[in-house]
Amino acid sequence: MQGKSIDQVQSIDNHLQAAIVHLEAALNESIRTVLENQEAKQEIAPKWEQFLGQFFGMAKEKGRKSRINLLSWISFSKVR
């Protein structure tokens, strides 16, 4: 059973690493776009708000369904 747990943890690491690569690309493109055209901020900012709202909403909903407070796993004071 422990081997499966290690595989699951590695799978989580892989998904999170892929997500961070995509997020960095989206951040870089957002910054580049706004630096080239300040008016684009009005279109891009709501996309980031929607994304973050979706993420936190998803974590909250999945936590409620599983009876696990997923957001309690994060120490926001340690997030930098």
PDB file of N, CA and C in Angstrom:
ATOM      1  N   MET A   1       0.819  -1.206   0.000  1.00  0.00           N
ATOM      2  CA  MET A   1       0.000   0.000   0.000  1.00  0.00           C
ATOM      3  C   MET A   1       0.855   1.259   0.000  1.00  0.00           C
ATOM      4  N   GLN A   2       2.000   1.211   0.650  1.00  0.00           N
ATOM      5  CA  GLN A   2       2.854   2.393   0.737  1.00  0.00           C
ATOM      6  C   GLN A   2       3.387   2.789  -0.642  1.00  0.00           C
ATOM      7  N   GLY A   3       3.674   1.816  -1.506  1.00  0.00           N
ATOM      8  CA  GLY A   3       4.145   2.118  -2.853  1.00  0.00           C
ATOM      9  C   GLY A   3       3.134   2.924  -3.637  1.00  0.00           C
ATOM     10  N   LYS A   4       1.851   2.579  -3.470  1.00  0.00           N
ATOM     11  CA  LYS A   4       0.791   3.314  -4.150  1.00  0.00           C
ATOM     12  C   LYS A   4       0.728   4.742  -3.627  1.00  0.00           C
ATOM     13  N   SER A   5       0.890   4.915  -2.313  1.00  0.00           N
ATOM     14  CA  SER A   5       0.862   6.238  -1.709  1.00  0.00           C
ATOM     15  C   SER A   5       1.997   7.108  -2.266  1.00  0.00           C
ATOM     16  N   ILE A   6       3.170   6.537  -2.412  1.00  0.00           N
ATOM     17  CA  ILE A   6       4.312   7.269  -2.971  1.00  0.00           C
ATOM     18  C   ILE A   6       4.015   7.679  -4.405  1.00  0.00           C
ATOM     19  N   ASP A   7       3.415   6.759  -5.189  1.00  0.00           N
ATOM     20  CA  ASP A   7       3.035   7.074  -6.566  1.00  0.00           C
ATOM     21  C   ASP A   7       2.002   8.194  -6.615  1.00  0.00           C
ATOM     22  N   GLN A   8       1.053   8.170  -5.683  1.00  0.00           N
ATOM     23  CA  GLN A   8       0.024   9.207  -5.644  1.00  0.00           C
ATOM     24  C   GLN A   8       0.629  10.565  -5.306  1.00  0.00           C
ATOM     25  N   VAL A   9       1.541  10.576  -4.366  1.00  0.00           N
ATOM     26  CA  VAL A   9       2.202  11.830  -3.990  1.00  0.00           C
ATOM     27  C   VAL A   9       3.019  12.353  -5.168  1.00  0.00           C
ATOM     28  N   GLN A  10       3.696  11.471  -5.882  1.00  0.00           N
ATOM     29  CA  GLN A  10       4.470  11.886  -7.060  1.00  0.00           C
ATOM     30  C   GLN A  10       3.541  12.441  -8.134  1.00  0.00           C
ATOM     31  N   SER A  11       2.380  11.823  -8.306  1.00  0.00           N
ATOM     32  CA  SER A  11       1.407  12.306  -9.280  1.00  0.00           C
ATOM     33  C   SER A  11       0.932  13.717  -8.913  1.00  0.00           C
ATOM     34  N   ILE A  12       0.683  13.943  -7.622  1.00  0.00           N
ATOM     35  CA  ILE A  12       0.287  15.279  -7.161  1.00  0.00           C
ATOM     36  C   ILE A  12       1.396  16.279  -7.452  1.00  0.00           C
ATOM     37  N   ASP A  13       2.640  15.909  -7.147  1.00  0.00           N
ATOM     38  CA  ASP A  13       3.786  16.784  -7.452  1.00  0.00           C
ATOM     39  C   ASP A  13       3.823  17.126  -8.938  1.00  0.00           C
ATOM     40  N   ASN A  14       3.613  16.122  -9.784  1.00  0.00           N
ATOM     41  CA  ASN A  14       3.653  16.338 -11.231  1.00  0.00           C
ATOM     42  C   ASN A  14       2.560  17.306 -11.679  1.00  0.00           C
ATOM     43  N   HIS A  15       1.352  17.137 -11.150  1.00  0.00           N
ATOM     44  CA  HIS A  15       0.246  18.034 -11.516  1.00  0.00           C
ATOM     45  C   HIS A  15       0.520  19.460 -11.050  1.00  0.00           C
ATOM     46  N   LEU A  16       1.016  19.597  -9.822  1.00  0.00           N
ATOM     47  CA  LEU A  16       1.303  20.938  -9.309  1.00  0.00           C
ATOM     48  C   LEU A  16       2.427  21.608 -10.090  1.00  0.00           C
ATOM     49  N   GLN A  17       3.437  20.844 -10.472  1.00  0.00           N
ATOM     50  CA  GLN A  17       4.536  21.413 -11.255  1.00  0.00           C
ATOM     51  C   GLN A  17       4.047  21.865 -12.627  1.00  0.00           C
ATOM     52  N   ALA A  18       3.198  21.063 -13.253  1.00  0.00           N
ATOM     53  CA  ALA A  18       2.629  21.451 -14.552  1.00  0.00           C
ATOM     54  C   ALA A  18       1.774  22.707 -14.395  1.00  0.00           C
ATOM     55  N   ALA A  19       1.002  22.773 -13.313  1.00  0.00           N
ATOM     56  CA  ALA A  19       0.158  23.940 -13.072  1.00  0.00           C
ATOM     57  C   ALA A  19       1.004  25.197 -12.890  1.00  0.00           C
ATOM     58  N   ILE A  20       2.112  25.093 -12.157  1.00  0.00           N
ATOM     59  CA  ILE A  20       2.949  26.273 -11.920  1.00  0.00           C
ATOM     60  C   ILE A  20       3.602  26.749 -13.206  1.00  0.00           C
ATOM     61  N   VAL A  21       3.950  25.828 -14.079  1.00  0.00           N
ATOM     62  CA  VAL A  21       4.521  26.205 -15.376  1.00  0.00           C
ATOM     63  C   VAL A  21       3.489  26.998 -16.182  1.00  0.00           C
ATOM     64  N   HIS A  22       2.245  26.521 -16.198  1.00  0.00           N
ATOM     65  CA  HIS A  22       1.179  27.213 -16.930  1.00  0.00           C
ATOM     66  C   HIS A  22       0.858  28.566 -16.297  1.00  0.00           C
ATOM     67  N   LEU A  23       0.845  28.618 -14.969  1.00  0.00           N
ATOM     68  CA  LEU A  23       0.567  29.887 -14.294  1.00  0.00           C
ATOM     69  C   LEU A  23       1.653  30.915 -14.558  1.00  0.00           C
ATOM     70  N   GLU A  24       2.899  30.470 -14.551  1.00  0.00           N
ATOM     71  CA  GLU A  24       3.990  31.403 -14.839  1.00  0.00           C
ATOM     72  C   GLU A  24       3.878  31.942 -16.261  1.00  0.00           C
ATOM     73  N   ALA A  25       3.533  31.078 -17.204  1.00  0.00           N
ATOM     74  CA  ALA A  25       3.364  31.519 -18.595  1.00  0.00           C
ATOM     75  C   ALA A  25       2.222  32.533 -18.694  1.00  0.00           C
ATOM     76  N   ALA A  26       1.118  32.275 -18.003  1.00  0.00           N
ATOM     77  CA  ALA A  26      -0.012  33.204 -18.026  1.00  0.00           C
ATOM     78  C   ALA A  26       0.351  34.531 -17.373  1.00  0.00           C
ATOM     79  N   LEU A  27       1.104  34.490 -16.275  1.00  0.00           N
ATOM     80  CA  LEU A  27       1.557  35.722 -15.637  1.00  0.00           C
ATOM     81  C   LEU A  27       2.461  36.523 -16.558  1.00  0.00           C
ATOM     82  N   ASN A  28       3.436  35.848 -17.153  1.00  0.00           N
ATOM     83  CA  ASN A  28       4.366  36.539 -18.053  1.00  0.00           C
ATOM     84  C   ASN A  28       3.632  37.173 -19.228  1.00  0.00           C
ATOM     85  N   GLU A  29       2.700  36.432 -19.802  1.00  0.00           N
ATOM     86  CA  GLU A  29       1.951  36.963 -20.944  1.00  0.00           C
ATOM     87  C   GLU A  29       1.045  38.115 -20.518  1.00  0.00           C
ATOM     88  N   SER A  30       0.442  38.000 -19.332  1.00  0.00           N
ATOM     89  CA  SER A  30      -0.404  39.082 -18.819  1.00  0.00           C
ATOM     90  C   SER A  30       0.417  40.351 -18.632  1.00  0.00           C
ATOM     91  N   ILE A  31       1.577  40.223 -18.022  1.00  0.00           N
ATOM     92  CA  ILE A  31       2.443  41.379 -17.780  1.00  0.00           C
ATOM     93  C   ILE A  31       2.901  41.988 -19.091  1.00  0.00           C
ATOM     94  N   ARG A  32       3.368  41.150 -19.992  1.00  0.00           N
ATOM     95  CA  ARG A  32       3.847  41.633 -21.293  1.00  0.00           C
ATOM     96  C   ARG A  32       2.729  42.373 -22.048  1.00  0.00           C
ATOM     97  N   THR A  33       1.533  41.807 -22.017  1.00  0.00           N
ATOM     98  CA  THR A  33       0.407  42.410 -22.723  1.00  0.00           C
ATOM     99  C   THR A  33       0.055  43.772 -22.140  1.00  0.00           C
ATOM    100  N   VAL A  34       0.017  43.870 -20.811  1.00  0.00           N
ATOM    101  CA  VAL A  34      -0.340  45.144 -20.167  1.00  0.00           C
ATOM    102  C   VAL A  34       0.762  46.179 -20.350  1.00  0.00           C
ATOM    103  N   LEU A  35       2.023  45.747 -20.352  1.00  0.00           N
ATOM    104  CA  LEU A  35       3.110  46.701 -20.593  1.00  0.00           C
ATOM    105  C   LEU A  35       3.027  47.274 -22.007  1.00  0.00           C
ATOM    106  N   GLU A  36       2.568  46.467 -22.942  1.00  0.00           N
ATOM    107  CA  GLU A  36       2.430  46.924 -24.330  1.00  0.00           C
ATOM    108  C   GLU A  36       1.181  47.773 -24.520  1.00  0.00           C
ATOM    109  N   ASN A  37       0.141  47.493 -23.718  1.00  0.00           N
ATOM    110  CA  ASN A  37      -1.127  48.199 -23.882  1.00  0.00           C
ATOM    111  C   ASN A  37      -1.844  48.243 -22.535  1.00  0.00           C
ATOM    112  N   GLN A  38      -1.762  49.377 -21.850  1.00  0.00           N
ATOM    113  CA  GLN A  38      -2.352  49.530 -20.517  1.00  0.00           C
ATOM    114  C   GLN A  38      -3.854  49.245 -20.504  1.00  0.00           C
ATOM    115  N   GLU A  39      -4.538  49.503 -21.597  1.00  0.00           N
ATOM    116  CA  GLU A  39      -5.983  49.271 -21.653  1.00  0.00           C
ATOM    117  C   GLU A  39      -6.330  47.787 -21.558  1.00  0.00           C
ATOM    118  N   ALA A  40      -5.381  46.924 -21.879  1.00  0.00           N
ATOM    119  CA  ALA A  40      -5.622  45.483 -21.812  1.00  0.00           C
ATOM    120  C   ALA A  40      -5.849  45.029 -20.374  1.00  0.00           C
ATOM    121  N   LYS A  41      -5.383  45.828 -19.407  1.00  0.00           N
ATOM    122  CA  LYS A  41      -5.552  45.478 -17.994  1.00  0.00           C
ATOM    123  C   LYS A  41      -7.029  45.314 -17.652  1.00  0.00           C
ATOM    124  N   GLN A  42      -7.883  46.125 -18.264  1.00  0.00           N
ATOM    125  CA  GLN A  42      -9.322  46.053 -17.993  1.00  0.00           C
ATOM    126  C   GLN A  42      -9.913  44.714 -18.437  1.00  0.00           C
ATOM    127  N   GLU A  43      -9.290  44.078 -19.401  1.00  0.00           N
ATOM    128  CA  GLU A  43      -9.757  42.786 -19.883  1.00  0.00           C
ATOM    129  C   GLU A  43      -9.070  41.626 -19.153  1.00  0.00           C
ATOM    130  N   ILE A  44      -7.818  41.809 -18.810  1.00  0.00           N
ATOM    131  CA  ILE A  44      -7.035  40.722 -18.200  1.00  0.00           C
ATOM    132  C   ILE A  44      -7.311  40.580 -16.706  1.00  0.00           C
ATOM    133  N   ALA A  45      -7.450  41.689 -15.990  1.00  0.00           N
ATOM    134  CA  ALA A  45      -7.667  41.633 -14.533  1.00  0.00           C
ATOM    135  C   ALA A  45      -8.872  40.766 -14.160  1.00  0.00           C
ATOM    136  N   PRO A  46     -10.013  40.922 -14.832  1.00  0.00           N
ATOM    137  CA  PRO A  46     -11.151  40.060 -14.473  1.00  0.00           C
ATOM    138  C   PRO A  46     -10.896  38.574 -14.731  1.00  0.00           C
ATOM    139  N   LYS A  47     -10.040  38.260 -15.680  1.00  0.00           N
ATOM    140  CA  LYS A  47      -9.700  36.859 -15.943  1.00  0.00           C
ATOM    141  C   LYS A  47      -8.954  36.261 -14.747  1.00  0.00           C
ATOM    142  N   TRP A  48      -8.039  37.052 -14.160  1.00  0.00           N
ATOM    143  CA  TRP A  48      -7.309  36.581 -12.982  1.00  0.00           C
ATOM    144  C   TRP A  48      -8.243  36.480 -11.783  1.00  0.00           C
ATOM    145  N   GLU A  49      -9.145  37.443 -11.634  1.00  0.00           N
ATOM    146  CA  GLU A  49     -10.116  37.380 -10.539  1.00  0.00           C
ATOM    147  C   GLU A  49     -10.994  36.136 -10.677  1.00  0.00           C
ATOM    148  N   GLN A  50     -11.433  35.858 -11.898  1.00  0.00           N
ATOM    149  CA  GLN A  50     -12.271  34.683 -12.138  1.00  0.00           C
ATOM    150  C   GLN A  50     -11.488  33.396 -11.846  1.00  0.00           C
ATOM    151  N   PHE A  51     -10.250  33.341 -12.299  1.00  0.00           N
ATOM    152  CA  PHE A  51      -9.425  32.154 -12.068  1.00  0.00           C
ATOM    153  C   PHE A  51      -9.244  31.893 -10.577  1.00  0.00           C
ATOM    154  N   LEU A  52      -8.847  32.927  -9.839  1.00  0.00           N
ATOM    155  CA  LEU A  52      -8.617  32.754  -8.402  1.00  0.00           C
ATOM    156  C   LEU A  52      -9.915  32.413  -7.676  1.00  0.00           C
ATOM    157  N   GLY A  53     -11.011  33.047  -8.098  1.00  0.00           N
ATOM    158  CA  GLY A  53     -12.313  32.724  -7.510  1.00  0.00           C
ATOM    159  C   GLY A  53     -12.696  31.278  -7.777  1.00  0.00           C
ATOM    160  N   GLN A  54     -12.445  30.820  -9.005  1.00  0.00           N
ATOM    161  CA  GLN A  54     -12.724  29.425  -9.346  1.00  0.00           C
ATOM    162  C   GLN A  54     -11.888  28.479  -8.498  1.00  0.00           C
ATOM    163  N   PHE A  55     -10.605  28.789  -8.363  1.00  0.00           N
ATOM    164  CA  PHE A  55      -9.723  27.918  -7.593  1.00  0.00           C
ATOM    165  C   PHE A  55     -10.177  27.813  -6.139  1.00  0.00           C
ATOM    166  N   PHE A  56     -10.384  28.967  -5.492  1.00  0.00           N
ATOM    167  CA  PHE A  56     -10.788  28.944  -4.090  1.00  0.00           C
ATOM    168  C   PHE A  56     -12.178  28.339  -3.928  1.00  0.00           C
ATOM    169  N   GLY A  57     -13.075  28.627  -4.865  1.00  0.00           N
ATOM    170  CA  GLY A  57     -14.413  28.034  -4.820  1.00  0.00           C
ATOM    171  C   GLY A  57     -14.361  26.527  -4.972  1.00  0.00           C
ATOM    172  N   MET A  58     -13.511  26.056  -5.888  1.00  0.00           N
ATOM    173  CA  MET A  58     -13.360  24.620  -6.102  1.00  0.00           C
ATOM    174  C   MET A  58     -12.791  23.950  -4.855  1.00  0.00           C
ATOM    175  N   ALA A  59     -11.781  24.558  -4.272  1.00  0.00           N
ATOM    176  CA  ALA A  59     -11.183  23.996  -3.053  1.00  0.00           C
ATOM    177  C   ALA A  59     -12.213  23.940  -1.927  1.00  0.00           C
ATOM    178  N   LYS A  60     -13.012  24.990  -1.819  1.00  0.00           N
ATOM    179  CA  LYS A  60     -14.033  25.044  -0.769  1.00  0.00           C
ATOM    180  C   LYS A  60     -15.109  23.982  -1.007  1.00  0.00           C
ATOM    181  N   GLU A  61     -15.578  23.869  -2.249  1.00  0.00           N
ATOM    182  CA  GLU A  61     -16.637  22.907  -2.578  1.00  0.00           C
ATOM    183  C   GLU A  61     -16.157  21.460  -2.408  1.00  0.00           C
ATOM    184  N   LYS A  62     -14.969  21.157  -2.919  1.00  0.00           N
ATOM    185  CA  LYS A  62     -14.430  19.801  -2.783  1.00  0.00           C
ATOM    186  C   LYS A  62     -14.145  19.486  -1.324  1.00  0.00           C
ATOM    187  N   GLY A  63     -13.715  20.487  -0.580  1.00  0.00           N
ATOM    188  CA  GLY A  63     -13.496  20.304   0.849  1.00  0.00           C
ATOM    189  C   GLY A  63     -14.795  20.018   1.584  1.00  0.00           C
ATOM    190  N   ARG A  64     -15.839  20.724   1.208  1.00  0.00           N
ATOM    191  CA  ARG A  64     -17.137  20.509   1.846  1.00  0.00           C
ATOM    192  C   ARG A  64     -17.634  19.091   1.548  1.00  0.00           C
ATOM    193  N   LYS A  65     -17.500  18.653   0.294  1.00  0.00           N
ATOM    194  CA  LYS A  65     -17.966  17.320  -0.091  1.00  0.00           C
ATOM    195  C   LYS A  65     -17.170  16.208   0.588  1.00  0.00           C
ATOM    196  N   SER A  66     -15.875  16.435   0.775  1.00  0.00           N
ATOM    197  CA  SER A  66     -15.026  15.398   1.375  1.00  0.00           C
ATOM    198  C   SER A  66     -14.890  15.558   2.889  1.00  0.00           C
ATOM    199  N   ARG A  67     -15.454  16.648   3.391  1.00  0.00           N
ATOM    200  CA  ARG A  67     -15.345  16.975   4.822  1.00  0.00           C
ATOM    201  C   ARG A  67     -13.898  17.190   5.251  1.00  0.00           C
ATOM    202  N   ILE A  68     -13.130  17.754   4.332  1.00  0.00           N
ATOM    203  CA  ILE A  68     -11.737  18.107   4.610  1.00  0.00           C
ATOM    204  C   ILE A  68     -11.574  19.577   4.246  1.00  0.00           C
ATOM    205  N   ASN A  69     -11.120  20.383   5.174  1.00  0.00           N
ATOM    206  CA  ASN A  69     -10.903  21.801   4.902  1.00  0.00           C
ATOM    207  C   ASN A  69      -9.549  21.949   4.200  1.00  0.00           C
ATOM    208  N   LEU A  70      -9.597  21.898   2.875  1.00  0.00           N
ATOM    209  CA  LEU A  70      -8.371  21.942   2.082  1.00  0.00           C
ATOM    210  C   LEU A  70      -7.596  23.237   2.292  1.00  0.00           C
ATOM    211  N   LEU A  71      -8.303  24.334   2.455  1.00  0.00           N
ATOM    212  CA  LEU A  71      -7.615  25.618   2.621  1.00  0.00           C
ATOM    213  C   LEU A  71      -6.900  25.709   3.968  1.00  0.00           C
ATOM    214  N   SER A  72      -7.290  24.867   4.928  1.00  0.00           N
ATOM    215  CA  SER A  72      -6.604  24.886   6.224  1.00  0.00           C
ATOM    216  C   SER A  72      -5.207  24.280   6.112  1.00  0.00           C
ATOM    217  N   TRP A  73      -4.931  23.585   5.020  1.00  0.00           N
ATOM    218  CA  TRP A  73      -3.607  23.001   4.804  1.00  0.00           C
ATOM    219  C   TRP A  73      -2.576  24.072   4.467  1.00  0.00           C
ATOM    220  N   ILE A  74      -3.067  25.246   4.080  1.00  0.00           N
ATOM    221  CA  ILE A  74      -2.178  26.314   3.620  1.00  0.00           C
ATOM    222  C   ILE A  74      -1.980  27.314   4.743  1.00  0.00           C
ATOM    223  N   SER A  75      -0.742  27.545   5.114  1.00  0.00           N
ATOM    224  CA  SER A  75      -0.435  28.602   6.063  1.00  0.00           C
ATOM    225  C   SER A  75      -0.154  29.854   5.235  1.00  0.00           C
ATOM    226  N   PHE A  76      -1.158  30.731   5.152  1.00  0.00           N
ATOM    227  CA  PHE A  76      -1.023  31.901   4.296  1.00  0.00           C
ATOM    228  C   PHE A  76       0.083  32.833   4.774  1.00  0.00           C
ATOM    229  N   SER A  77       0.468  32.748   6.047  1.00  0.00           N
ATOM    230  CA  SER A  77       1.574  33.575   6.527  1.00  0.00           C
ATOM    231  C   SER A  77       2.913  33.067   5.970  1.00  0.00           C
ATOM    232  N   LYS A  78       2.955  31.794   5.569  1.00  0.00           N
ATOM    233  CA  LYS A  78       4.177  31.232   4.987  1.00  0.00           C
ATOM    234  C   LYS A  78       4.222  31.380   3.470  1.00  0.00           C
ATOM    235  N   VAL A  79       3.094  31.743   2.865  1.00  0.00           N
ATOM    236  CA  VAL A  79       3.045  31.905   1.408  1.00  0.00           C
ATOM    237  C   VAL A  79       3.734  33.209   1.041  1.00  0.00           C
ATOM    238  N   ARG A  80       4.726  33.089   0.169  1.00  0.00           N
ATOM    239  CA  ARG A  80       5.474  34.296  -0.243  1.00  0.00           C
ATOM    240  C   ARG A  80       5.534  34.350  -1.720  1.00  0.00           C
TER     241      ARG A  80
END
